[in-house]
């Protein structure tokens, strides 16, 4: 849970206040997700093309990969040996 919920929790006695708290938390989570995605895109953009291909994405697919829209051929397989 986000810290804002703990701040607004005492107000959550009524249905309207609970809805307000839920919407506020959803907004905070959305904003945090936005900043995480921006950071991920910036970090991936700094990699060279070879490094990107090593992790299975192309430069043109960075945004799609950050949003989880890219699937790789061996996604879900783990080779620990």
PDB file of N, CA and C in Angstrom:
ATOM      1  N   UNK A   1       0.822  -1.183   0.000  1.00  0.00           N
ATOM      2  CA  UNK A   1       0.000   0.000   0.000  1.00  0.00           C
ATOM      3  C   UNK A   1       0.867   1.247   0.000  1.00  0.00           C
ATOM      4  N   UNK A   2       0.362   2.255  -0.576  1.00  0.00           N
ATOM      5  CA  UNK A   2       1.076   3.519  -0.611  1.00  0.00           C
ATOM      6  C   UNK A   2       0.896   4.259   0.704  1.00  0.00           C
ATOM      7  N   UNK A   3       1.827   5.116   1.012  1.00  0.00           N
ATOM      8  CA  UNK A   3       1.761   5.920   2.222  1.00  0.00           C
ATOM      9  C   UNK A   3       0.524   6.811   2.261  1.00  0.00           C
ATOM     10  N   UNK A   4       0.062   7.354   1.115  1.00  0.00           N
ATOM     11  CA  UNK A   4      -1.118   8.222   1.176  1.00  0.00           C
ATOM     12  C   UNK A   4      -2.338   7.530   1.778  1.00  0.00           C
ATOM     13  N   UNK A   5      -2.438   6.200   1.613  1.00  0.00           N
ATOM     14  CA  UNK A   5      -3.580   5.503   2.201  1.00  0.00           C
ATOM     15  C   UNK A   5      -3.541   5.605   3.720  1.00  0.00           C
ATOM     16  N   UNK A   6      -2.356   5.442   4.301  1.00  0.00           N
ATOM     17  CA  UNK A   6      -2.256   5.509   5.750  1.00  0.00           C
ATOM     18  C   UNK A   6      -2.565   6.913   6.268  1.00  0.00           C
ATOM     19  N   UNK A   7      -2.306   7.901   5.440  1.00  0.00           N
ATOM     20  CA  UNK A   7      -2.610   9.278   5.839  1.00  0.00           C
ATOM     21  C   UNK A   7      -4.118   9.526   5.778  1.00  0.00           C
ATOM     22  N   UNK A   8      -4.769   8.980   4.754  1.00  0.00           N
ATOM     23  CA  UNK A   8      -6.191   9.230   4.560  1.00  0.00           C
ATOM     24  C   UNK A   8      -7.084   8.176   5.218  1.00  0.00           C
ATOM     25  N   UNK A   9      -6.497   7.127   5.801  1.00  0.00           N
ATOM     26  CA  UNK A   9      -7.288   6.041   6.381  1.00  0.00           C
ATOM     27  C   UNK A   9      -8.284   6.517   7.444  1.00  0.00           C
ATOM     28  N   UNK A  10      -7.926   7.454   8.303  1.00  0.00           N
ATOM     29  CA  UNK A  10      -8.916   7.900   9.284  1.00  0.00           C
ATOM     30  C   UNK A  10     -10.161   8.530   8.654  1.00  0.00           C
ATOM     31  N   UNK A  11     -10.048   9.018   7.435  1.00  0.00           N
ATOM     32  CA  UNK A  11     -11.190   9.614   6.757  1.00  0.00           C
ATOM     33  C   UNK A  11     -12.104   8.560   6.136  1.00  0.00           C
ATOM     34  N   UNK A  12     -11.652   7.310   6.123  1.00  0.00           N
ATOM     35  CA  UNK A  12     -12.343   6.272   5.378  1.00  0.00           C
ATOM     36  C   UNK A  12     -13.561   5.709   6.109  1.00  0.00           C
ATOM     37  N   UNK A  13     -14.180   6.478   6.959  1.00  0.00           N
ATOM     38  CA  UNK A  13     -15.349   6.015   7.696  1.00  0.00           C
ATOM     39  C   UNK A  13     -16.606   5.965   6.862  1.00  0.00           C
ATOM     40  N   UNK A  14     -16.713   6.774   5.854  1.00  0.00           N
ATOM     41  CA  UNK A  14     -17.910   6.797   5.027  1.00  0.00           C
ATOM     42  C   UNK A  14     -17.614   6.196   3.659  1.00  0.00           C
ATOM     43  N   UNK A  15     -18.674   5.812   2.977  1.00  0.00           N
ATOM     44  CA  UNK A  15     -18.517   5.219   1.655  1.00  0.00           C
ATOM     45  C   UNK A  15     -17.859   6.199   0.686  1.00  0.00           C
ATOM     46  N   UNK A  16     -18.259   7.435   0.726  1.00  0.00           N
ATOM     47  CA  UNK A  16     -17.699   8.453  -0.163  1.00  0.00           C
ATOM     48  C   UNK A  16     -16.216   8.658   0.123  1.00  0.00           C
ATOM     49  N   UNK A  17     -15.844   8.681   1.387  1.00  0.00           N
ATOM     50  CA  UNK A  17     -14.438   8.856   1.747  1.00  0.00           C
ATOM     51  C   UNK A  17     -13.612   7.652   1.298  1.00  0.00           C
ATOM     52  N   UNK A  18     -14.159   6.447   1.430  1.00  0.00           N
ATOM     53  CA  UNK A  18     -13.440   5.244   0.978  1.00  0.00           C
ATOM     54  C   UNK A  18     -13.217   5.292  -0.527  1.00  0.00           C
ATOM     55  N   UNK A  19     -14.226   5.745  -1.262  1.00  0.00           N
ATOM     56  CA  UNK A  19     -14.078   5.867  -2.706  1.00  0.00           C
ATOM     57  C   UNK A  19     -13.006   6.887  -3.060  1.00  0.00           C
ATOM     58  N   UNK A  20     -12.968   7.981  -2.333  1.00  0.00           N
ATOM     59  CA  UNK A  20     -11.962   9.011  -2.548  1.00  0.00           C
ATOM     60  C   UNK A  20     -10.562   8.454  -2.296  1.00  0.00           C
ATOM     61  N   UNK A  21     -10.415   7.704  -1.210  1.00  0.00           N
ATOM     62  CA  UNK A  21      -9.121   7.112  -0.880  1.00  0.00           C
ATOM     63  C   UNK A  21      -8.697   6.132  -1.971  1.00  0.00           C
ATOM     64  N   UNK A  22      -9.627   5.296  -2.435  1.00  0.00           N
ATOM     65  CA  UNK A  22      -9.315   4.331  -3.488  1.00  0.00           C
ATOM     66  C   UNK A  22      -8.891   5.029  -4.777  1.00  0.00           C
ATOM     67  N   UNK A  23      -9.600   6.073  -5.142  1.00  0.00           N
ATOM     68  CA  UNK A  23      -9.251   6.809  -6.364  1.00  0.00           C
ATOM     69  C   UNK A  23      -7.912   7.517  -6.231  1.00  0.00           C
ATOM     70  N   UNK A  24      -7.662   8.062  -5.066  1.00  0.00           N
ATOM     71  CA  UNK A  24      -6.382   8.730  -4.827  1.00  0.00           C
ATOM     72  C   UNK A  24      -5.237   7.730  -4.931  1.00  0.00           C
ATOM     73  N   UNK A  25      -5.396   6.556  -4.317  1.00  0.00           N
ATOM     74  CA  UNK A  25      -4.364   5.520  -4.387  1.00  0.00           C
ATOM     75  C   UNK A  25      -4.166   5.032  -5.812  1.00  0.00           C
ATOM     76  N   UNK A  26      -5.244   4.867  -6.554  1.00  0.00           N
ATOM     77  CA  UNK A  26      -5.139   4.443  -7.949  1.00  0.00           C
ATOM     78  C   UNK A  26      -4.365   5.482  -8.754  1.00  0.00           C
ATOM     79  N   UNK A  27      -4.616   6.743  -8.497  1.00  0.00           N
ATOM     80  CA  UNK A  27      -3.885   7.808  -9.178  1.00  0.00           C
ATOM     81  C   UNK A  27      -2.403   7.783  -8.839  1.00  0.00           C
ATOM     82  N   UNK A  28      -2.101   7.566  -7.562  1.00  0.00           N
ATOM     83  CA  UNK A  28      -0.694   7.473  -7.140  1.00  0.00           C
ATOM     84  C   UNK A  28      -0.003   6.282  -7.799  1.00  0.00           C
ATOM     85  N   UNK A  29      -0.684   5.149  -7.853  1.00  0.00           N
ATOM     86  CA  UNK A  29      -0.110   3.964  -8.487  1.00  0.00           C
ATOM     87  C   UNK A  29       0.101   4.194  -9.982  1.00  0.00           C
ATOM     88  N   UNK A  30      -0.840   4.846 -10.611  1.00  0.00           N
ATOM     89  CA  UNK A  30      -0.695   5.152 -12.033  1.00  0.00           C
ATOM     90  C   UNK A  30       0.474   6.074 -12.293  1.00  0.00           C
ATOM     91  N   UNK A  31       0.626   7.081 -11.465  1.00  0.00           N
ATOM     92  CA  UNK A  31       1.736   8.021 -11.616  1.00  0.00           C
ATOM     93  C   UNK A  31       3.070   7.328 -11.355  1.00  0.00           C
ATOM     94  N   UNK A  32       3.130   6.480 -10.343  1.00  0.00           N
ATOM     95  CA  UNK A  32       4.360   5.741 -10.053  1.00  0.00           C
ATOM     96  C   UNK A  32       4.704   4.817 -11.216  1.00  0.00           C
ATOM     97  N   UNK A  33       3.704   4.147 -11.780  1.00  0.00           N
ATOM     98  CA  UNK A  33       3.933   3.275 -12.929  1.00  0.00           C
ATOM     99  C   UNK A  33       4.472   4.047 -14.125  1.00  0.00           C
ATOM    100  N   UNK A  34       3.949   5.240 -14.322  1.00  0.00           N
ATOM    101  CA  UNK A  34       4.417   6.093 -15.422  1.00  0.00           C
ATOM    102  C   UNK A  34       5.909   6.381 -15.279  1.00  0.00           C
ATOM    103  N   UNK A  35       6.330   6.760 -14.066  1.00  0.00           N
ATOM    104  CA  UNK A  35       7.734   7.084 -13.855  1.00  0.00           C
ATOM    105  C   UNK A  35       8.623   5.850 -13.980  1.00  0.00           C
ATOM    106  N   UNK A  36       8.137   4.697 -13.546  1.00  0.00           N
ATOM    107  CA  UNK A  36       8.907   3.459 -13.687  1.00  0.00           C
ATOM    108  C   UNK A  36       9.086   3.123 -15.169  1.00  0.00           C
ATOM    109  N   UNK A  37       8.010   3.253 -15.955  1.00  0.00           N
ATOM    110  CA  UNK A  37       8.109   2.967 -17.390  1.00  0.00           C
ATOM    111  C   UNK A  37       9.042   3.952 -18.096  1.00  0.00           C
ATOM    112  N   UNK A  38       8.968   5.223 -17.734  1.00  0.00           N
ATOM    113  CA  UNK A  38       9.874   6.223 -18.335  1.00  0.00           C
ATOM    114  C   UNK A  38      11.326   5.888 -18.023  1.00  0.00           C
ATOM    115  N   UNK A  39      11.595   5.494 -16.797  1.00  0.00           N
ATOM    116  CA  UNK A  39      12.949   5.130 -16.394  1.00  0.00           C
ATOM    117  C   UNK A  39      13.429   3.894 -17.146  1.00  0.00           C
ATOM    118  N   UNK A  40      12.553   2.901 -17.276  1.00  0.00           N
ATOM    119  CA  UNK A  40      12.920   1.680 -17.999  1.00  0.00           C
ATOM    120  C   UNK A  40      13.219   1.984 -19.458  1.00  0.00           C
ATOM    121  N   UNK A  41      12.405   2.820 -20.084  1.00  0.00           N
ATOM    122  CA  UNK A  41      12.651   3.184 -21.485  1.00  0.00           C
ATOM    123  C   UNK A  41      13.969   3.935 -21.631  1.00  0.00           C
ATOM    124  N   UNK A  42      14.269   4.814 -20.709  1.00  0.00           N
ATOM    125  CA  UNK A  42      15.527   5.562 -20.770  1.00  0.00           C
ATOM    126  C   UNK A  42      16.714   4.620 -20.600  1.00  0.00           C
ATOM    127  N   UNK A  43      16.618   3.693 -19.654  1.00  0.00           N
ATOM    128  CA  UNK A  43      17.719   2.752 -19.435  1.00  0.00           C
ATOM    129  C   UNK A  43      17.921   1.834 -20.628  1.00  0.00           C
ATOM    130  N   UNK A  44      16.845   1.326 -21.202  1.00  0.00           N
ATOM    131  CA  UNK A  44      16.968   0.459 -22.368  1.00  0.00           C
ATOM    132  C   UNK A  44      17.492   1.225 -23.577  1.00  0.00           C
ATOM    133  N   UNK A  45      17.129   2.484 -23.706  1.00  0.00           N
ATOM    134  CA  UNK A  45      17.593   3.293 -24.837  1.00  0.00           C
ATOM    135  C   UNK A  45      19.097   3.528 -24.780  1.00  0.00           C
ATOM    136  N   UNK A  46      19.678   3.462 -23.590  1.00  0.00           N
ATOM    137  CA  UNK A  46      21.115   3.668 -23.444  1.00  0.00           C
ATOM    138  C   UNK A  46      21.925   2.457 -23.907  1.00  0.00           C
ATOM    139  N   UNK A  47      21.280   1.273 -23.981  1.00  0.00           N
ATOM    140  CA  UNK A  47      21.991   0.073 -24.408  1.00  0.00           C
ATOM    141  C   UNK A  47      22.256   0.109 -25.903  1.00  0.00           C
ATOM    142  N   UNK A  48      23.326  -0.561 -26.332  1.00  0.00           N
ATOM    143  CA  UNK A  48      23.584  -0.653 -27.767  1.00  0.00           C
ATOM    144  C   UNK A  48      22.714  -1.753 -28.371  1.00  0.00           C
ATOM    145  N   UNK A  49      22.663  -1.786 -29.694  1.00  0.00           N
ATOM    146  CA  UNK A  49      21.774  -2.728 -30.386  1.00  0.00           C
ATOM    147  C   UNK A  49      22.098  -4.173 -30.064  1.00  0.00           C
ATOM    148  N   UNK A  50      23.363  -4.494 -29.931  1.00  0.00           N
ATOM    149  CA  UNK A  50      23.755  -5.871 -29.627  1.00  0.00           C
ATOM    150  C   UNK A  50      23.249  -6.302 -28.248  1.00  0.00           C
ATOM    151  N   UNK A  51      23.376  -5.433 -27.268  1.00  0.00           N
ATOM    152  CA  UNK A  51      22.888  -5.747 -25.922  1.00  0.00           C
ATOM    153  C   UNK A  51      21.369  -5.918 -25.923  1.00  0.00           C
ATOM    154  N   UNK A  52      20.684  -5.075 -26.676  1.00  0.00           N
ATOM    155  CA  UNK A  52      19.234  -5.202 -26.770  1.00  0.00           C
ATOM    156  C   UNK A  52      18.840  -6.533 -27.396  1.00  0.00           C
ATOM    157  N   UNK A  53      19.538  -6.940 -28.450  1.00  0.00           N
ATOM    158  CA  UNK A  53      19.244  -8.219 -29.095  1.00  0.00           C
ATOM    159  C   UNK A  53      19.543  -9.387 -28.163  1.00  0.00           C
ATOM    160  N   UNK A  54      20.545  -9.229 -27.289  1.00  0.00           N
ATOM    161  CA  UNK A  54      20.849 -10.275 -26.308  1.00  0.00           C
ATOM    162  C   UNK A  54      19.686 -10.513 -25.349  1.00  0.00           C
ATOM    163  N   UNK A  55      18.949  -9.465 -25.036  1.00  0.00           N
ATOM    164  CA  UNK A  55      17.799  -9.645 -24.143  1.00  0.00           C
ATOM    165  C   UNK A  55      16.497  -9.857 -24.911  1.00  0.00           C
ATOM    166  N   UNK A  56      16.611  -9.894 -26.249  1.00  0.00           N
ATOM    167  CA  UNK A  56      15.467 -10.296 -27.056  1.00  0.00           C
ATOM    168  C   UNK A  56      14.563  -9.202 -27.568  1.00  0.00           C
ATOM    169  N   UNK A  57      15.046  -7.964 -27.595  1.00  0.00           N
ATOM    170  CA  UNK A  57      14.221  -6.890 -28.158  1.00  0.00           C
ATOM    171  C   UNK A  57      15.046  -6.077 -29.147  1.00  0.00           C
ATOM    172  N   UNK A  58      14.365  -5.426 -30.037  1.00  0.00           N
ATOM    173  CA  UNK A  58      15.019  -4.520 -30.983  1.00  0.00           C
ATOM    174  C   UNK A  58      14.808  -3.088 -30.505  1.00  0.00           C
ATOM    175  N   UNK A  59      15.614  -2.197 -31.014  1.00  0.00           N
ATOM    176  CA  UNK A  59      15.497  -0.798 -30.590  1.00  0.00           C
ATOM    177  C   UNK A  59      14.091  -0.248 -30.841  1.00  0.00           C
ATOM    178  N   UNK A  60      13.491  -0.649 -31.944  1.00  0.00           N
ATOM    179  CA  UNK A  60      12.142  -0.154 -32.258  1.00  0.00           C
ATOM    180  C   UNK A  60      11.076  -0.764 -31.350  1.00  0.00           C
ATOM    181  N   UNK A  61      11.438  -1.796 -30.598  1.00  0.00           N
ATOM    182  CA  UNK A  61      10.462  -2.455 -29.726  1.00  0.00           C
ATOM    183  C   UNK A  61      10.633  -2.142 -28.259  1.00  0.00           C
ATOM    184  N   UNK A  62      11.427  -1.131 -27.935  1.00  0.00           N
ATOM    185  CA  UNK A  62      11.671  -0.803 -26.531  1.00  0.00           C
ATOM    186  C   UNK A  62      10.373  -0.434 -25.817  1.00  0.00           C
ATOM    187  N   UNK A  63       9.602   0.443 -26.408  1.00  0.00           N
ATOM    188  CA  UNK A  63       8.363   0.880 -25.752  1.00  0.00           C
ATOM    189  C   UNK A  63       7.402  -0.283 -25.573  1.00  0.00           C
ATOM    190  N   UNK A  64       7.270  -1.121 -26.594  1.00  0.00           N
ATOM    191  CA  UNK A  64       6.380  -2.279 -26.496  1.00  0.00           C
ATOM    192  C   UNK A  64       6.864  -3.243 -25.415  1.00  0.00           C
ATOM    193  N   UNK A  65       8.180  -3.408 -25.297  1.00  0.00           N
ATOM    194  CA  UNK A  65       8.728  -4.295 -24.272  1.00  0.00           C
ATOM    195  C   UNK A  65       8.450  -3.751 -22.869  1.00  0.00           C
ATOM    196  N   UNK A  66       8.578  -2.457 -22.700  1.00  0.00           N
ATOM    197  CA  UNK A  66       8.331  -1.846 -21.390  1.00  0.00           C
ATOM    198  C   UNK A  66       6.866  -2.005 -20.984  1.00  0.00           C
ATOM    199  N   UNK A  67       5.970  -1.917 -21.949  1.00  0.00           N
ATOM    200  CA  UNK A  67       4.549  -2.078 -21.658  1.00  0.00           C
ATOM    201  C   UNK A  67       4.122  -3.548 -21.601  1.00  0.00           C
ATOM    202  N   UNK A  68       5.081  -4.472 -21.798  1.00  0.00           N
ATOM    203  CA  UNK A  68       4.795  -5.891 -21.699  1.00  0.00           C
ATOM    204  C   UNK A  68       4.114  -6.478 -22.913  1.00  0.00           C
ATOM    205  N   UNK A  69       4.268  -5.860 -24.067  1.00  0.00           N
ATOM    206  CA  UNK A  69       3.592  -6.316 -25.272  1.00  0.00           C
ATOM    207  C   UNK A  69       4.470  -7.202 -26.154  1.00  0.00           C
ATOM    208  N   UNK A  70       5.697  -7.453 -25.715  1.00  0.00           N
ATOM    209  CA  UNK A  70       6.630  -8.255 -26.500  1.00  0.00           C
ATOM    210  C   UNK A  70       6.789  -9.609 -25.835  1.00  0.00           C
ATOM    211  N   UNK A  71       6.640 -10.658 -26.625  1.00  0.00           N
ATOM    212  CA  UNK A  71       6.925 -11.996 -26.119  1.00  0.00           C
ATOM    213  C   UNK A  71       8.116 -12.540 -26.885  1.00  0.00           C
ATOM    214  N   UNK A  72       8.978 -13.219 -26.188  1.00  0.00           N
ATOM    215  CA  UNK A  72      10.146 -13.795 -26.835  1.00  0.00           C
ATOM    216  C   UNK A  72       9.919 -15.277 -27.064  1.00  0.00           C
ATOM    217  N   UNK A  73      10.704 -15.826 -27.935  1.00  0.00           N
ATOM    218  CA  UNK A  73      10.547 -17.218 -28.329  1.00  0.00           C
ATOM    219  C   UNK A  73      10.698 -18.159 -27.133  1.00  0.00           C
ATOM    220  N   UNK A  74      11.658 -17.895 -26.261  1.00  0.00           N
ATOM    221  CA  UNK A  74      11.912 -18.784 -25.141  1.00  0.00           C
ATOM    222  C   UNK A  74      11.449 -18.185 -23.805  1.00  0.00           C
ATOM    223  N   UNK A  75      10.422 -17.389 -23.862  1.00  0.00           N
ATOM    224  CA  UNK A  75       9.884 -16.786 -22.650  1.00  0.00           C
ATOM    225  C   UNK A  75       9.320 -17.876 -21.747  1.00  0.00           C
ATOM    226  N   UNK A  76       9.672 -17.839 -20.515  1.00  0.00           N
ATOM    227  CA  UNK A  76       9.182 -18.842 -19.572  1.00  0.00           C
ATOM    228  C   UNK A  76      10.129 -20.005 -19.379  1.00  0.00           C
ATOM    229  N   UNK A  77      11.097 -20.179 -20.253  1.00  0.00           N
ATOM    230  CA  UNK A  77      12.084 -21.250 -20.098  1.00  0.00           C
ATOM    231  C   UNK A  77      13.236 -20.758 -19.252  1.00  0.00           C
ATOM    232  N   UNK A  78      13.734 -21.653 -18.429  1.00  0.00           N
ATOM    233  CA  UNK A  78      14.908 -21.311 -17.640  1.00  0.00           C
ATOM    234  C   UNK A  78      15.950 -22.385 -17.836  1.00  0.00           C
ATOM    235  N   UNK A  79      17.136 -21.964 -18.104  1.00  0.00           N
ATOM    236  CA  UNK A  79      18.232 -22.904 -18.286  1.00  0.00           C
ATOM    237  C   UNK A  79      19.292 -22.584 -17.257  1.00  0.00           C
ATOM    238  N   UNK A  80      19.307 -23.336 -16.170  1.00  0.00           N
ATOM    239  CA  UNK A  80      20.243 -23.072 -15.078  1.00  0.00           C
ATOM    240  C   UNK A  80      21.514 -23.905 -15.225  1.00  0.00           C
ATOM    241  N   UNK A  81      21.577 -24.769 -16.186  1.00  0.00           N
ATOM    242  CA  UNK A  81      22.776 -25.613 -16.311  1.00  0.00           C
ATOM    243  C   UNK A  81      23.814 -25.008 -17.207  1.00  0.00           C
TER     244      UNK A  81
END
